PDB file of all heavy atoms in Angstrom:
ATOM      1  N   VAL A   1      -4.360   3.005  17.017  1.00  0.00           N
ATOM      2  CA  VAL A   1      -4.469   4.437  16.756  1.00  0.00           C
ATOM      3  C   VAL A   1      -5.583   4.656  15.744  1.00  0.00           C
ATOM      4  O   VAL A   1      -5.939   3.759  14.985  1.00  0.00           O
ATOM      5  CB  VAL A   1      -3.144   5.038  16.214  1.00  0.00           C
ATOM      6  CG1 VAL A   1      -2.043   4.930  17.239  1.00  0.00           C
ATOM      7  CG2 VAL A   1      -2.736   4.361  14.906  1.00  0.00           C
ATOM      8  N   CYS A   2      -6.124   5.870  15.725  1.00  0.00           N
ATOM      9  CA  CYS A   2      -7.185   6.226  14.779  1.00  0.00           C
ATOM     10  C   CYS A   2      -6.652   7.339  13.890  1.00  0.00           C
ATOM     11  O   CYS A   2      -6.772   8.519  14.217  1.00  0.00           O
ATOM     12  CB  CYS A   2      -8.432   6.676  15.530  1.00  0.00           C
ATOM     13  SG  CYS A   2      -9.825   7.056  14.434  1.00  0.00           S
ATOM     14  N   ALA A   3      -6.003   6.948  12.799  1.00  0.00           N
ATOM     15  CA  ALA A   3      -5.329   7.954  11.975  1.00  0.00           C
ATOM     16  C   ALA A   3      -5.533   7.735  10.483  1.00  0.00           C
ATOM     17  O   ALA A   3      -4.888   8.385   9.682  1.00  0.00           O
ATOM     18  CB  ALA A   3      -3.835   7.959  12.278  1.00  0.00           C
ATOM     19  N   TYR A   4      -6.418   6.802  10.076  1.00  0.00           N
ATOM     20  CA  TYR A   4      -6.663   6.517   8.655  1.00  0.00           C
ATOM     21  C   TYR A   4      -5.351   6.326   7.897  1.00  0.00           C
ATOM     22  O   TYR A   4      -5.064   7.037   6.932  1.00  0.00           O
ATOM     23  CB  TYR A   4      -7.483   7.640   8.025  1.00  0.00           C
ATOM     24  CG  TYR A   4      -8.803   7.882   8.697  1.00  0.00           C
ATOM     25  CD1 TYR A   4      -8.979   8.968   9.549  1.00  0.00           C
ATOM     26  CD2 TYR A   4      -9.873   7.017   8.500  1.00  0.00           C
ATOM     27  CE1 TYR A   4     -10.191   9.191  10.187  1.00  0.00           C
ATOM     28  CE2 TYR A   4     -11.085   7.234   9.125  1.00  0.00           C
ATOM     29  CZ  TYR A   4     -11.235   8.319   9.969  1.00  0.00           C
ATOM     30  OH  TYR A   4     -12.432   8.527  10.592  1.00  0.00           O
ATOM     31  N   PRO A   5      -4.523   5.350   8.319  1.00  0.00           N
ATOM     32  CA  PRO A   5      -3.202   5.232   7.690  1.00  0.00           C
ATOM     33  C   PRO A   5      -3.259   4.628   6.292  1.00  0.00           C
ATOM     34  O   PRO A   5      -4.158   3.852   5.951  1.00  0.00           O
ATOM     35  CB  PRO A   5      -2.452   4.303   8.654  1.00  0.00           C
ATOM     36  CG  PRO A   5      -3.530   3.459   9.257  1.00  0.00           C
ATOM     37  CD  PRO A   5      -4.722   4.366   9.393  1.00  0.00           C
ATOM     38  N   ALA A   6      -2.258   4.990   5.527  1.00  0.00           N
ATOM     39  CA  ALA A   6      -2.044   4.400   4.205  1.00  0.00           C
ATOM     40  C   ALA A   6      -0.546   4.348   3.954  1.00  0.00           C
ATOM     41  O   ALA A   6       0.211   5.201   4.431  1.00  0.00           O
ATOM     42  CB  ALA A   6      -2.733   5.209   3.113  1.00  0.00           C
ATOM     43  N   ILE A   7      -0.124   3.334   3.236  1.00  0.00           N
ATOM     44  CA  ILE A   7       1.247   3.286   2.736  1.00  0.00           C
ATOM     45  C   ILE A   7       1.276   4.048   1.424  1.00  0.00           C
ATOM     46  O   ILE A   7       0.488   3.770   0.509  1.00  0.00           O
ATOM     47  CB  ILE A   7       1.705   1.837   2.535  1.00  0.00           C
ATOM     48  CG1 ILE A   7       2.018   1.194   3.887  1.00  0.00           C
ATOM     49  CG2 ILE A   7       2.908   1.762   1.607  1.00  0.00           C
ATOM     50  CD1 ILE A   7       2.361  -0.276   3.805  1.00  0.00           C
ATOM     51  N   THR A   8       2.156   5.029   1.342  1.00  0.00           N
ATOM     52  CA  THR A   8       2.339   5.762   0.093  1.00  0.00           C
ATOM     53  C   THR A   8       3.814   5.781  -0.258  1.00  0.00           C
ATOM     54  O   THR A   8       4.669   5.990   0.614  1.00  0.00           O
ATOM     55  CB  THR A   8       1.824   7.212   0.186  1.00  0.00           C
ATOM     56  OG1 THR A   8       2.450   7.868   1.296  1.00  0.00           O
ATOM     57  CG2 THR A   8       0.335   7.256   0.365  1.00  0.00           C
ATOM     58  N   VAL A   9       4.103   5.537  -1.514  1.00  0.00           N
ATOM     59  CA  VAL A   9       5.466   5.645  -2.026  1.00  0.00           C
ATOM     60  C   VAL A   9       5.434   6.659  -3.163  1.00  0.00           C
ATOM     61  O   VAL A   9       4.720   6.472  -4.153  1.00  0.00           O
ATOM     62  CB  VAL A   9       6.006   4.293  -2.522  1.00  0.00           C
ATOM     63  CG1 VAL A   9       7.422   4.455  -3.074  1.00  0.00           C
ATOM     64  CG2 VAL A   9       5.989   3.262  -1.396  1.00  0.00           C
ATOM     65  N   ILE A  10       6.180   7.744  -2.985  1.00  0.00           N
ATOM     66  CA  ILE A  10       6.215   8.843  -3.950  1.00  0.00           C
ATOM     67  C   ILE A  10       7.636   8.964  -4.476  1.00  0.00           C
ATOM     68  O   ILE A  10       8.593   9.018  -3.701  1.00  0.00           O
ATOM     69  CB  ILE A  10       5.772  10.175  -3.305  1.00  0.00           C
ATOM     70  CG1 ILE A  10       4.437  10.001  -2.579  1.00  0.00           C
ATOM     71  CG2 ILE A  10       5.672  11.274  -4.357  1.00  0.00           C
ATOM     72  CD1 ILE A  10       4.001  11.215  -1.782  1.00  0.00           C
ATOM     73  N   ARG A  11       7.765   9.036  -5.780  1.00  0.00           N
ATOM     74  CA  ARG A  11       9.074   9.064  -6.441  1.00  0.00           C
ATOM     75  C   ARG A  11       9.288  10.393  -7.150  1.00  0.00           C
ATOM     76  O   ARG A  11       8.346  10.965  -7.691  1.00  0.00           O
ATOM     77  CB  ARG A  11       9.147   7.904  -7.437  1.00  0.00           C
ATOM     78  CG  ARG A  11      10.358   7.889  -8.354  1.00  0.00           C
ATOM     79  CD  ARG A  11      10.340   6.625  -9.233  1.00  0.00           C
ATOM     80  NE  ARG A  11       9.014   6.370  -9.788  1.00  0.00           N
ATOM     81  CZ  ARG A  11       8.555   6.957 -10.907  1.00  0.00           C
ATOM     82  NH1 ARG A  11       9.306   7.829 -11.571  1.00  0.00           N
ATOM     83  NH2 ARG A  11       7.337   6.658 -11.341  1.00  0.00           N
ATOM     84  N   GLN A  12      10.536  10.870  -7.154  1.00  0.00           N
ATOM     85  CA  GLN A  12      10.828  12.040  -7.972  1.00  0.00           C
ATOM     86  C   GLN A  12      11.043  11.573  -9.406  1.00  0.00           C
ATOM     87  O   GLN A  12      12.017  10.885  -9.721  1.00  0.00           O
ATOM     88  CB  GLN A  12      12.072  12.797  -7.503  1.00  0.00           C
ATOM     89  CG  GLN A  12      12.219  14.112  -8.267  1.00  0.00           C
ATOM     90  CD  GLN A  12      13.488  14.852  -7.941  1.00  0.00           C
ATOM     91  OE1 GLN A  12      14.496  14.688  -8.626  1.00  0.00           O
ATOM     92  NE2 GLN A  12      13.449  15.674  -6.915  1.00  0.00           N
ATOM     93  N   GLY A  13      10.105  11.893 -10.276  1.00  0.00           N
ATOM     94  CA  GLY A  13      10.174  11.446 -11.658  1.00  0.00           C
ATOM     95  C   GLY A  13       8.820  11.548 -12.322  1.00  0.00           C
ATOM     96  O   GLY A  13       7.848  12.043 -11.735  1.00  0.00           O
ATOM     97  N   GLU A  14       8.736  11.084 -13.544  1.00  0.00           N
ATOM     98  CA  GLU A  14       7.504  11.126 -14.311  1.00  0.00           C
ATOM     99  C   GLU A  14       6.509  10.088 -13.805  1.00  0.00           C
ATOM    100  O   GLU A  14       6.891   8.966 -13.465  1.00  0.00           O
ATOM    101  CB  GLU A  14       7.792  10.881 -15.798  1.00  0.00           C
ATOM    102  CG  GLU A  14       8.608  11.975 -16.466  1.00  0.00           C
ATOM    103  CD  GLU A  14       7.843  13.284 -16.550  1.00  0.00           C
ATOM    104  OE1 GLU A  14       6.623  13.238 -16.805  1.00  0.00           O
ATOM    105  OE2 GLU A  14       8.465  14.340 -16.341  1.00  0.00           O
ATOM    106  N   GLN A  15       5.245  10.473 -13.785  1.00  0.00           N
ATOM    107  CA  GLN A  15       4.207   9.546 -13.337  1.00  0.00           C
ATOM    108  C   GLN A  15       4.023   8.422 -14.340  1.00  0.00           C
ATOM    109  O   GLN A  15       3.887   8.648 -15.542  1.00  0.00           O
ATOM    110  CB  GLN A  15       2.881  10.276 -13.149  1.00  0.00           C
ATOM    111  CG  GLN A  15       1.745   9.391 -12.666  1.00  0.00           C
ATOM    112  CD  GLN A  15       1.956   8.892 -11.247  1.00  0.00           C
ATOM    113  OE1 GLN A  15       2.054   9.668 -10.312  1.00  0.00           O
ATOM    114  NE2 GLN A  15       2.021   7.576 -11.088  1.00  0.00           N
ATOM    115  N   GLY A  16       4.044   7.209 -13.831  1.00  0.00           N
ATOM    116  CA  GLY A  16       3.733   6.040 -14.637  1.00  0.00           C
ATOM    117  C   GLY A  16       2.615   5.274 -13.986  1.00  0.00           C
ATOM    118  O   GLY A  16       1.693   5.855 -13.401  1.00  0.00           O
ATOM    119  N   GLY A  17       2.691   3.963 -14.036  1.00  0.00           N
ATOM    120  CA  GLY A  17       1.686   3.142 -13.393  1.00  0.00           C
ATOM    121  C   GLY A  17       1.766   3.256 -11.883  1.00  0.00           C
ATOM    122  O   GLY A  17       2.825   3.581 -11.317  1.00  0.00           O
ATOM    123  N   VAL A  18       0.649   2.994 -11.213  1.00  0.00           N
ATOM    124  CA  VAL A  18       0.601   3.083  -9.753  1.00  0.00           C
ATOM    125  C   VAL A  18      -0.176   1.888  -9.212  1.00  0.00           C
ATOM    126  O   VAL A  18      -1.214   1.511  -9.756  1.00  0.00           O
ATOM    127  CB  VAL A  18      -0.028   4.424  -9.297  1.00  0.00           C
ATOM    128  CG1 VAL A  18      -1.382   4.653  -9.946  1.00  0.00           C
ATOM    129  CG2 VAL A  18      -0.158   4.485  -7.785  1.00  0.00           C
ATOM    130  N   ILE A  19       0.360   1.295  -8.148  1.00  0.00           N
ATOM    131  CA  ILE A  19      -0.309   0.178  -7.493  1.00  0.00           C
ATOM    132  C   ILE A  19      -1.241   0.735  -6.421  1.00  0.00           C
ATOM    133  O   ILE A  19      -0.795   1.422  -5.497  1.00  0.00           O
ATOM    134  CB  ILE A  19       0.701  -0.780  -6.834  1.00  0.00           C
ATOM    135  CG1 ILE A  19       1.715  -1.297  -7.851  1.00  0.00           C
ATOM    136  CG2 ILE A  19      -0.036  -1.939  -6.155  1.00  0.00           C
ATOM    137  CD1 ILE A  19       1.133  -2.126  -8.958  1.00  0.00           C
ATOM    138  N   VAL A  20      -2.533   0.445  -6.545  1.00  0.00           N
ATOM    139  CA  VAL A  20      -3.497   0.848  -5.522  1.00  0.00           C
ATOM    140  C   VAL A  20      -4.011  -0.424  -4.858  1.00  0.00           C
ATOM    141  O   VAL A  20      -4.308  -1.416  -5.532  1.00  0.00           O
ATOM    142  CB  VAL A  20      -4.660   1.680  -6.105  1.00  0.00           C
ATOM    143  CG1 VAL A  20      -4.144   2.998  -6.644  1.00  0.00           C
ATOM    144  CG2 VAL A  20      -5.402   0.923  -7.194  1.00  0.00           C
ATOM    145  N   ALA A  21      -4.079  -0.386  -3.537  1.00  0.00           N
ATOM    146  CA  ALA A  21      -4.541  -1.548  -2.786  1.00  0.00           C
ATOM    147  C   ALA A  21      -5.525  -1.098  -1.722  1.00  0.00           C
ATOM    148  O   ALA A  21      -5.319  -0.075  -1.069  1.00  0.00           O
ATOM    149  CB  ALA A  21      -3.357  -2.271  -2.144  1.00  0.00           C
ATOM    150  N   ASP A  22      -6.588  -1.859  -1.567  1.00  0.00           N
ATOM    151  CA  ASP A  22      -7.593  -1.595  -0.544  1.00  0.00           C
ATOM    152  C   ASP A  22      -7.613  -2.797   0.384  1.00  0.00           C
ATOM    153  O   ASP A  22      -7.873  -3.919  -0.057  1.00  0.00           O
ATOM    154  CB  ASP A  22      -8.964  -1.383  -1.197  1.00  0.00           C
ATOM    155  CG  ASP A  22     -10.005  -0.899  -0.209  1.00  0.00           C
ATOM    156  OD1 ASP A  22      -9.638  -0.154   0.709  1.00  0.00           O
ATOM    157  OD2 ASP A  22     -11.177  -1.265  -0.363  1.00  0.00           O
ATOM    158  N   THR A  23      -7.324  -2.582   1.668  1.00  0.00           N
ATOM    159  CA  THR A  23      -7.157  -3.683   2.592  1.00  0.00           C
ATOM    160  C   THR A  23      -8.273  -3.718   3.633  1.00  0.00           C
ATOM    161  O   THR A  23      -8.982  -2.743   3.840  1.00  0.00           O
ATOM    162  CB  THR A  23      -5.808  -3.579   3.330  1.00  0.00           C
ATOM    163  OG1 THR A  23      -5.818  -2.397   4.146  1.00  0.00           O
ATOM    164  CG2 THR A  23      -4.650  -3.487   2.339  1.00  0.00           C
ATOM    165  N   THR A  24      -8.387  -4.850   4.300  1.00  0.00           N
ATOM    166  CA  THR A  24      -9.302  -5.015   5.428  1.00  0.00           C
ATOM    167  C   THR A  24      -8.480  -5.459   6.642  1.00  0.00           C
ATOM    168  O   THR A  24      -7.256  -5.644   6.566  1.00  0.00           O
ATOM    169  CB  THR A  24     -10.384  -6.067   5.136  1.00  0.00           C
ATOM    170  OG1 THR A  24      -9.774  -7.374   5.137  1.00  0.00           O
ATOM    171  CG2 THR A  24     -11.037  -5.814   3.787  1.00  0.00           C
ATOM    172  N   ALA A  25      -9.156  -5.681   7.755  1.00  0.00           N
ATOM    173  CA  ALA A  25      -8.473  -6.100   8.973  1.00  0.00           C
ATOM    174  C   ALA A  25      -7.807  -7.469   8.818  1.00  0.00           C
ATOM    175  O   ALA A  25      -6.915  -7.812   9.609  1.00  0.00           O
ATOM    176  CB  ALA A  25      -9.473  -6.129  10.138  1.00  0.00           C
ATOM    177  N   ARG A  26      -8.181  -8.234   7.819  1.00  0.00           N
ATOM    178  CA  ARG A  26      -7.602  -9.570   7.607  1.00  0.00           C
ATOM    179  C   ARG A  26      -6.243  -9.518   6.915  1.00  0.00           C
ATOM    180  O   ARG A  26      -5.530 -10.518   6.858  1.00  0.00           O
ATOM    181  CB  ARG A  26      -8.564 -10.438   6.793  1.00  0.00           C
ATOM    182  CG  ARG A  26      -9.920 -10.652   7.466  1.00  0.00           C
ATOM    183  CD  ARG A  26     -10.861 -11.464   6.586  1.00  0.00           C
ATOM    184  NE  ARG A  26     -10.414 -12.834   6.400  1.00  0.00           N
ATOM    185  CZ  ARG A  26     -10.177 -13.394   5.235  1.00  0.00           C
ATOM    186  NH1 ARG A  26     -10.326 -12.698   4.116  1.00  0.00           N
ATOM    187  NH2 ARG A  26      -9.782 -14.643   5.155  1.00  0.00           N
ATOM    188  N   PHE A  27      -5.866  -8.366   6.388  1.00  0.00           N
ATOM    189  CA  PHE A  27      -4.583  -8.227   5.696  1.00  0.00           C
ATOM    190  C   PHE A  27      -3.442  -8.451   6.686  1.00  0.00           C
ATOM    191  O   PHE A  27      -3.431  -7.869   7.771  1.00  0.00           O
ATOM    192  CB  PHE A  27      -4.496  -6.823   5.094  1.00  0.00           C
ATOM    193  CG  PHE A  27      -3.300  -6.585   4.211  1.00  0.00           C
ATOM    194  CD1 PHE A  27      -3.103  -7.325   3.064  1.00  0.00           C
ATOM    195  CD2 PHE A  27      -2.380  -5.588   4.529  1.00  0.00           C
ATOM    196  CE1 PHE A  27      -2.020  -7.087   2.238  1.00  0.00           C
ATOM    197  CE2 PHE A  27      -1.295  -5.334   3.714  1.00  0.00           C
ATOM    198  CZ  PHE A  27      -1.115  -6.076   2.566  1.00  0.00           C
ATOM    199  N   ASP A  28      -2.462  -9.299   6.310  1.00  0.00           N
ATOM    200  CA  ASP A  28      -1.383  -9.628   7.240  1.00  0.00           C
ATOM    201  C   ASP A  28      -0.045  -9.656   6.514  1.00  0.00           C
ATOM    202  O   ASP A  28       0.049  -9.372   5.315  1.00  0.00           O
ATOM    203  CB  ASP A  28      -1.653 -10.962   7.934  1.00  0.00           C
ATOM    204  CG  ASP A  28      -1.815 -12.129   6.951  1.00  0.00           C
ATOM    205  OD1 ASP A  28      -1.347 -12.011   5.789  1.00  0.00           O
ATOM    206  OD2 ASP A  28      -2.405 -13.160   7.338  1.00  0.00           O
ATOM    207  N   GLU A  29       1.004 -10.000   7.266  1.00  0.00           N
ATOM    208  CA  GLU A  29       2.359  -9.929   6.719  1.00  0.00           C
ATOM    209  C   GLU A  29       2.569 -10.908   5.568  1.00  0.00           C
ATOM    210  O   GLU A  29       3.352 -10.622   4.645  1.00  0.00           O
ATOM    211  CB  GLU A  29       3.382 -10.194   7.819  1.00  0.00           C
ATOM    212  CG  GLU A  29       3.239 -11.519   8.525  1.00  0.00           C
ATOM    213  CD  GLU A  29       4.206 -11.634   9.690  1.00  0.00           C
ATOM    214  OE1 GLU A  29       5.436 -11.595   9.453  1.00  0.00           O
ATOM    215  OE2 GLU A  29       3.738 -11.742  10.831  1.00  0.00           O
ATOM    216  N   HIS A  30       1.891 -12.051   5.596  1.00  0.00           N
ATOM    217  CA  HIS A  30       2.092 -13.042   4.534  1.00  0.00           C
ATOM    218  C   HIS A  30       1.498 -12.538   3.215  1.00  0.00           C
ATOM    219  O   HIS A  30       2.138 -12.631   2.157  1.00  0.00           O
ATOM    220  CB  HIS A  30       1.469 -14.375   4.944  1.00  0.00           C
ATOM    221  CG  HIS A  30       1.960 -14.889   6.261  1.00  0.00           C
ATOM    222  ND1 HIS A  30       3.261 -15.297   6.458  1.00  0.00           N
ATOM    223  CD2 HIS A  30       1.326 -15.023   7.465  1.00  0.00           C
ATOM    224  CE1 HIS A  30       3.414 -15.676   7.713  1.00  0.00           C
ATOM    225  NE2 HIS A  30       2.258 -15.531   8.350  1.00  0.00           N
ATOM    226  N   THR A  31       0.276 -12.014   3.286  1.00  0.00           N
ATOM    227  CA  THR A  31      -0.325 -11.460   2.073  1.00  0.00           C
ATOM    228  C   THR A  31       0.441 -10.228   1.616  1.00  0.00           C
ATOM    229  O   THR A  31       0.590  -9.993   0.410  1.00  0.00           O
ATOM    230  CB  THR A  31      -1.800 -11.102   2.324  1.00  0.00           C
ATOM    231  OG1 THR A  31      -2.453 -12.196   2.955  1.00  0.00           O
ATOM    232  CG2 THR A  31      -2.505 -10.775   1.014  1.00  0.00           C
ATOM    233  N   ALA A  32       0.926  -9.436   2.568  1.00  0.00           N
ATOM    234  CA  ALA A  32       1.702  -8.240   2.208  1.00  0.00           C
ATOM    235  C   ALA A  32       2.949  -8.624   1.422  1.00  0.00           C
ATOM    236  O   ALA A  32       3.307  -7.963   0.431  1.00  0.00           O
ATOM    237  CB  ALA A  32       2.081  -7.469   3.462  1.00  0.00           C
ATOM    238  N   ALA A  33       3.626  -9.702   1.849  1.00  0.00           N
ATOM    239  CA  ALA A  33       4.823 -10.144   1.132  1.00  0.00           C
ATOM    240  C   ALA A  33       4.480 -10.574  -0.297  1.00  0.00           C
ATOM    241  O   ALA A  33       5.227 -10.283  -1.247  1.00  0.00           O
ATOM    242  CB  ALA A  33       5.485 -11.290   1.892  1.00  0.00           C
ATOM    243  N   ARG A  34       3.342 -11.252  -0.457  1.00  0.00           N
ATOM    244  CA  ARG A  34       2.918 -11.652  -1.807  1.00  0.00           C
ATOM    245  C   ARG A  34       2.585 -10.427  -2.653  1.00  0.00           C
ATOM    246  O   ARG A  34       2.904 -10.380  -3.852  1.00  0.00           O
ATOM    247  CB  ARG A  34       1.696 -12.571  -1.714  1.00  0.00           C
ATOM    248  CG  ARG A  34       1.976 -13.962  -1.150  1.00  0.00           C
ATOM    249  CD  ARG A  34       0.685 -14.768  -1.052  1.00  0.00           C
ATOM    250  NE  ARG A  34      -0.026 -14.782  -2.319  1.00  0.00           N
ATOM    251  CZ  ARG A  34      -1.343 -14.679  -2.438  1.00  0.00           C
ATOM    252  NH1 ARG A  34      -2.102 -14.544  -1.348  1.00  0.00           N
ATOM    253  NH2 ARG A  34      -1.918 -14.699  -3.630  1.00  0.00           N
ATOM    254  N   LEU A  35       1.935  -9.435  -2.031  1.00  0.00           N
ATOM    255  CA  LEU A  35       1.585  -8.228  -2.773  1.00  0.00           C
ATOM    256  C   LEU A  35       2.833  -7.465  -3.193  1.00  0.00           C
ATOM    257  O   LEU A  35       2.895  -6.932  -4.310  1.00  0.00           O
ATOM    258  CB  LEU A  35       0.672  -7.342  -1.920  1.00  0.00           C
ATOM    259  CG  LEU A  35       0.209  -6.021  -2.531  1.00  0.00           C
ATOM    260  CD1 LEU A  35      -0.459  -6.244  -3.885  1.00  0.00           C
ATOM    261  CD2 LEU A  35      -0.744  -5.301  -1.584  1.00  0.00           C
ATOM    262  N   VAL A  36       3.846  -7.402  -2.322  1.00  0.00           N
ATOM    263  CA  VAL A  36       5.107  -6.753  -2.690  1.00  0.00           C
ATOM    264  C   VAL A  36       5.727  -7.463  -3.887  1.00  0.00           C
ATOM    265  O   VAL A  36       6.181  -6.823  -4.848  1.00  0.00           O
ATOM    266  CB  VAL A  36       6.085  -6.745  -1.496  1.00  0.00           C
ATOM    267  CG1 VAL A  36       7.483  -6.338  -1.954  1.00  0.00           C
ATOM    268  CG2 VAL A  36       5.596  -5.792  -0.410  1.00  0.00           C
TER     269      VAL A  36
END
């Protein structure tokens, strides 16, 4: 699909730190698990 997807997690609460990640086509489930 061509939809410029992103994973976003939004919380009801005060803004604190935020994890920003920029991925390429090489990003896979194994690296995703490490990033989590």
